[in-house]
Amino acid sequence: MYTPAQYRAARALLGLTLEESATASGLPVAVVSDCESDGVAPVEDSALRTLRRSYEAKGVVFVKDGDDTSGGAGVRFAARDQVAQTMRPENLNAANDD
């Protein structure tokens, strides 16, 4: 299981607001907020999976404690060859809007 801090960090890494994360994941803003809150409200596993997958689709990797040789649990960008058909956030601009 991933921690609320990892969900907060993933959103911050992507530079998304709560509203943008909700739109991208299809979840209500309140649910995204609950996923990032430490024990405030119980969150369904399906909502956590949905939010995590939306971040992963944007190139974020969730690292469990012990999965990475560089330390504990966290988030990071995927290696470029692991992200198919996506654009790095630093390359997003008005010129490449769809």
N, C-alpha and C. Protein backbone atom coordinates (compact mmCIF):
# COMPACT_ATOMS: atom_id res chain seq x y z
N MET A 1 0.84 -1.18 0.00
CA MET A 1 0.00 0.00 0.00
C MET A 1 0.89 1.24 0.00
N TYR A 2 0.41 2.26 -0.68
CA TYR A 2 1.15 3.50 -0.76
C TYR A 2 0.60 4.50 0.25
N THR A 3 1.40 5.47 0.60
CA THR A 3 1.04 6.40 1.67
C THR A 3 0.40 7.68 1.11
N PRO A 4 -0.37 8.38 1.95
CA PRO A 4 -0.91 9.67 1.52
C PRO A 4 0.20 10.64 1.09
N ALA A 5 1.34 10.58 1.76
CA ALA A 5 2.46 11.45 1.40
C ALA A 5 2.93 11.18 -0.03
N GLN A 6 2.89 9.92 -0.46
CA GLN A 6 3.29 9.60 -1.82
C GLN A 6 2.31 10.18 -2.84
N TYR A 7 1.01 10.14 -2.52
CA TYR A 7 0.02 10.74 -3.42
C TYR A 7 0.22 12.26 -3.49
N ARG A 8 0.49 12.89 -2.35
CA ARG A 8 0.76 14.33 -2.35
C ARG A 8 2.01 14.64 -3.16
N ALA A 9 3.05 13.83 -2.96
CA ALA A 9 4.32 14.05 -3.66
C ALA A 9 4.17 13.84 -5.17
N ALA A 10 3.39 12.85 -5.56
CA ALA A 10 3.18 12.60 -6.99
C ALA A 10 2.49 13.78 -7.65
N ARG A 11 1.47 14.30 -6.98
CA ARG A 11 0.75 15.46 -7.52
C ARG A 11 1.68 16.66 -7.61
N ALA A 12 2.50 16.86 -6.57
CA ALA A 12 3.45 17.99 -6.57
C ALA A 12 4.50 17.82 -7.66
N LEU A 13 4.99 16.60 -7.85
CA LEU A 13 5.99 16.33 -8.87
C LEU A 13 5.46 16.69 -10.26
N LEU A 14 4.18 16.43 -10.47
CA LEU A 14 3.55 16.75 -11.75
C LEU A 14 3.09 18.20 -11.84
N GLY A 15 3.11 18.90 -10.71
CA GLY A 15 2.69 20.29 -10.70
C GLY A 15 1.20 20.48 -10.91
N LEU A 16 0.41 19.53 -10.40
CA LEU A 16 -1.04 19.58 -10.57
C LEU A 16 -1.73 20.12 -9.33
N THR A 17 -2.83 20.82 -9.54
CA THR A 17 -3.68 21.23 -8.43
C THR A 17 -4.60 20.06 -8.08
N LEU A 18 -5.29 20.17 -6.96
CA LEU A 18 -6.28 19.14 -6.61
C LEU A 18 -7.32 19.01 -7.72
N GLU A 19 -7.77 20.13 -8.24
CA GLU A 19 -8.79 20.13 -9.28
C GLU A 19 -8.28 19.46 -10.56
N GLU A 20 -7.04 19.73 -10.93
CA GLU A 20 -6.46 19.10 -12.13
C GLU A 20 -6.29 17.61 -11.94
N SER A 21 -5.90 17.19 -10.74
CA SER A 21 -5.77 15.76 -10.46
C SER A 21 -7.13 15.08 -10.52
N ALA A 22 -8.14 15.75 -9.98
CA ALA A 22 -9.49 15.19 -10.02
C ALA A 22 -9.97 15.04 -11.45
N THR A 23 -9.75 16.05 -12.26
CA THR A 23 -10.16 15.98 -13.67
C THR A 23 -9.42 14.85 -14.40
N ALA A 24 -8.11 14.76 -14.19
CA ALA A 24 -7.31 13.75 -14.87
C ALA A 24 -7.69 12.33 -14.47
N SER A 25 -8.07 12.15 -13.22
CA SER A 25 -8.39 10.81 -12.72
C SER A 25 -9.87 10.47 -12.83
N GLY A 26 -10.70 11.49 -12.98
CA GLY A 26 -12.14 11.25 -13.01
C GLY A 26 -12.75 11.09 -11.64
N LEU A 27 -11.99 11.45 -10.61
CA LEU A 27 -12.46 11.36 -9.23
C LEU A 27 -12.91 12.73 -8.74
N PRO A 28 -13.81 12.77 -7.77
CA PRO A 28 -14.17 14.06 -7.16
C PRO A 28 -12.97 14.67 -6.41
N VAL A 29 -12.93 15.98 -6.36
CA VAL A 29 -11.85 16.68 -5.65
C VAL A 29 -11.75 16.19 -4.21
N ALA A 30 -12.88 15.98 -3.56
CA ALA A 30 -12.87 15.53 -2.15
C ALA A 30 -12.19 14.18 -2.01
N VAL A 31 -12.36 13.30 -2.98
CA VAL A 31 -11.73 11.98 -2.91
C VAL A 31 -10.22 12.10 -3.10
N VAL A 32 -9.79 12.93 -4.04
CA VAL A 32 -8.35 13.15 -4.24
C VAL A 32 -7.74 13.71 -2.95
N SER A 33 -8.43 14.65 -2.35
CA SER A 33 -7.96 15.23 -1.08
C SER A 33 -7.89 14.17 0.01
N ASP A 34 -8.89 13.30 0.09
CA ASP A 34 -8.89 12.23 1.08
C ASP A 34 -7.73 11.26 0.85
N CYS A 35 -7.38 10.99 -0.41
CA CYS A 35 -6.26 10.09 -0.72
C CYS A 35 -4.94 10.66 -0.20
N GLU A 36 -4.87 11.98 -0.10
CA GLU A 36 -3.65 12.65 0.35
C GLU A 36 -3.65 12.94 1.85
N SER A 37 -4.75 12.66 2.52
CA SER A 37 -4.87 13.00 3.94
C SER A 37 -4.56 11.79 4.81
N ASP A 38 -3.83 12.03 5.88
CA ASP A 38 -3.44 10.96 6.80
C ASP A 38 -4.59 10.58 7.72
N GLY A 39 -5.35 9.56 7.35
CA GLY A 39 -6.37 8.99 8.21
C GLY A 39 -7.59 9.83 8.47
N VAL A 40 -7.83 10.87 7.70
CA VAL A 40 -8.99 11.71 7.93
C VAL A 40 -10.27 10.96 7.59
N ALA A 41 -10.29 10.36 6.42
CA ALA A 41 -11.47 9.61 5.98
C ALA A 41 -11.00 8.35 5.27
N PRO A 42 -11.72 7.24 5.46
CA PRO A 42 -11.33 6.03 4.75
C PRO A 42 -11.54 6.20 3.24
N VAL A 43 -10.61 5.71 2.46
CA VAL A 43 -10.68 5.83 1.01
C VAL A 43 -10.73 4.42 0.42
N GLU A 44 -11.63 4.23 -0.53
CA GLU A 44 -11.74 2.91 -1.17
C GLU A 44 -10.48 2.61 -1.96
N ASP A 45 -10.09 1.34 -1.96
CA ASP A 45 -8.91 0.91 -2.71
C ASP A 45 -9.04 1.25 -4.19
N SER A 46 -10.24 1.16 -4.73
CA SER A 46 -10.43 1.44 -6.15
C SER A 46 -10.11 2.91 -6.46
N ALA A 47 -10.44 3.81 -5.56
CA ALA A 47 -10.12 5.23 -5.76
C ALA A 47 -8.62 5.45 -5.70
N LEU A 48 -7.95 4.80 -4.77
CA LEU A 48 -6.49 4.92 -4.67
C LEU A 48 -5.83 4.39 -5.94
N ARG A 49 -6.30 3.25 -6.44
CA ARG A 49 -5.75 2.68 -7.67
C ARG A 49 -5.97 3.62 -8.86
N THR A 50 -7.17 4.18 -8.95
CA THR A 50 -7.50 5.08 -10.05
C THR A 50 -6.59 6.30 -10.04
N LEU A 51 -6.41 6.90 -8.88
CA LEU A 51 -5.55 8.07 -8.76
C LEU A 51 -4.10 7.71 -9.09
N ARG A 52 -3.63 6.60 -8.54
CA ARG A 52 -2.24 6.17 -8.80
C ARG A 52 -2.03 5.93 -10.29
N ARG A 53 -2.97 5.28 -10.94
CA ARG A 53 -2.83 5.00 -12.37
C ARG A 53 -2.82 6.28 -13.20
N SER A 54 -3.59 7.27 -12.77
CA SER A 54 -3.58 8.53 -13.52
C SER A 54 -2.23 9.22 -13.41
N TYR A 55 -1.58 9.13 -12.24
CA TYR A 55 -0.25 9.69 -12.08
C TYR A 55 0.79 8.87 -12.85
N GLU A 56 0.65 7.55 -12.80
CA GLU A 56 1.57 6.69 -13.53
C GLU A 56 1.48 6.94 -15.03
N ALA A 57 0.29 7.21 -15.53
CA ALA A 57 0.11 7.50 -16.96
C ALA A 57 0.83 8.78 -17.36
N LYS A 58 1.07 9.65 -16.39
CA LYS A 58 1.79 10.89 -16.65
C LYS A 58 3.29 10.76 -16.39
N GLY A 59 3.74 9.53 -16.07
CA GLY A 59 5.18 9.28 -15.93
C GLY A 59 5.72 9.18 -14.53
N VAL A 60 4.85 9.10 -13.53
CA VAL A 60 5.31 8.97 -12.14
C VAL A 60 5.37 7.50 -11.75
N VAL A 61 6.42 7.14 -11.05
CA VAL A 61 6.57 5.78 -10.52
C VAL A 61 6.44 5.85 -9.00
N PHE A 62 5.60 5.00 -8.44
CA PHE A 62 5.47 4.88 -6.99
C PHE A 62 6.44 3.80 -6.53
N VAL A 63 7.26 4.13 -5.54
CA VAL A 63 8.28 3.21 -5.04
C VAL A 63 7.90 2.80 -3.63
N LYS A 64 7.76 1.49 -3.44
CA LYS A 64 7.48 0.96 -2.10
C LYS A 64 8.78 0.92 -1.30
N ASP A 65 8.65 0.94 0.00
CA ASP A 65 9.82 0.83 0.87
C ASP A 65 10.52 -0.48 0.56
N GLY A 66 11.80 -0.42 0.22
CA GLY A 66 12.57 -1.61 -0.08
C GLY A 66 12.62 -1.97 -1.55
N ASP A 67 11.83 -1.27 -2.40
CA ASP A 67 11.83 -1.55 -3.84
C ASP A 67 12.99 -0.90 -4.57
N ASP A 68 13.59 0.09 -3.98
CA ASP A 68 14.59 0.89 -4.67
C ASP A 68 15.85 0.90 -3.82
N THR A 69 16.98 0.80 -4.45
CA THR A 69 18.24 0.77 -3.70
C THR A 69 18.62 2.13 -3.14
N SER A 70 17.92 3.19 -3.57
CA SER A 70 18.31 4.52 -3.12
C SER A 70 17.61 4.97 -1.85
N GLY A 71 16.78 4.15 -1.27
CA GLY A 71 16.13 4.56 -0.03
C GLY A 71 14.76 3.94 0.13
N GLY A 72 13.92 4.63 0.89
CA GLY A 72 12.61 4.12 1.22
C GLY A 72 11.54 4.47 0.20
N ALA A 73 10.31 4.45 0.68
CA ALA A 73 9.16 4.71 -0.16
C ALA A 73 9.20 6.13 -0.70
N GLY A 74 8.65 6.31 -1.90
CA GLY A 74 8.61 7.64 -2.48
C GLY A 74 8.00 7.61 -3.86
N VAL A 75 8.23 8.66 -4.61
CA VAL A 75 7.80 8.75 -6.00
C VAL A 75 8.93 9.37 -6.81
N ARG A 76 8.94 9.08 -8.09
CA ARG A 76 9.93 9.66 -8.99
C ARG A 76 9.39 9.56 -10.40
N PHE A 77 10.03 10.25 -11.33
CA PHE A 77 9.67 10.08 -12.72
C PHE A 77 10.21 8.74 -13.21
N ALA A 78 9.47 8.12 -14.12
CA ALA A 78 9.91 6.87 -14.73
C ALA A 78 11.07 7.15 -15.66
N ALA A 79 11.88 6.14 -15.89
CA ALA A 79 12.92 6.27 -16.90
C ALA A 79 12.23 6.55 -18.23
N ARG A 80 12.84 7.37 -19.04
CA ARG A 80 12.19 7.79 -20.29
C ARG A 80 11.75 6.61 -21.16
N ASP A 81 12.49 5.52 -21.18
CA ASP A 81 12.11 4.38 -22.02
C ASP A 81 10.93 3.60 -21.44
N GLN A 82 10.54 3.87 -20.18
CA GLN A 82 9.40 3.20 -19.57
C GLN A 82 8.10 3.96 -19.77
N VAL A 83 8.16 5.16 -20.29
CA VAL A 83 6.98 5.99 -20.48
C VAL A 83 6.67 6.04 -21.97
N ALA A 84 5.68 5.27 -22.37
CA ALA A 84 5.32 5.20 -23.78
C ALA A 84 4.30 6.28 -24.14
N GLN A 85 4.56 6.99 -25.22
CA GLN A 85 3.61 7.95 -25.77
C GLN A 85 3.20 9.05 -24.78
N THR A 86 4.10 9.48 -23.93
CA THR A 86 3.79 10.57 -23.02
C THR A 86 4.84 11.66 -23.16
N MET A 87 4.53 12.81 -22.63
CA MET A 87 5.45 13.94 -22.68
C MET A 87 5.84 14.31 -21.26
N ARG A 88 7.09 14.58 -21.06
CA ARG A 88 7.58 15.00 -19.75
C ARG A 88 6.95 16.34 -19.38
N PRO A 89 6.58 16.54 -18.10
CA PRO A 89 5.95 17.79 -17.69
C PRO A 89 6.78 19.03 -18.03
N GLU A 90 8.10 18.92 -17.96
CA GLU A 90 8.92 20.09 -18.25
C GLU A 90 8.87 20.50 -19.73
N ASN A 91 8.35 19.60 -20.58
CA ASN A 91 8.25 19.90 -22.00
C ASN A 91 6.85 20.39 -22.41
N LEU A 92 5.94 20.46 -21.47
CA LEU A 92 4.58 20.91 -21.78
C LEU A 92 4.55 22.41 -21.96
N ASN A 93 3.89 22.85 -23.01
CA ASN A 93 3.69 24.28 -23.24
C ASN A 93 2.53 24.47 -24.18
N ALA A 94 2.15 25.68 -24.42
CA ALA A 94 0.99 25.98 -25.26
C ALA A 94 1.19 25.50 -26.70
N ALA A 95 2.41 25.38 -27.17
CA ALA A 95 2.67 24.96 -28.54
C ALA A 95 2.30 23.51 -28.79
N ASN A 96 2.28 22.68 -27.74
CA ASN A 96 1.96 21.27 -27.96
C ASN A 96 0.63 20.85 -27.32
N ASP A 97 -0.26 21.81 -27.10
CA ASP A 97 -1.61 21.49 -26.62
C ASP A 97 -2.37 20.80 -27.74
N ASP A 98 -3.18 19.83 -27.37
CA ASP A 98 -4.03 19.15 -28.37
C ASP A 98 -5.33 19.88 -28.55
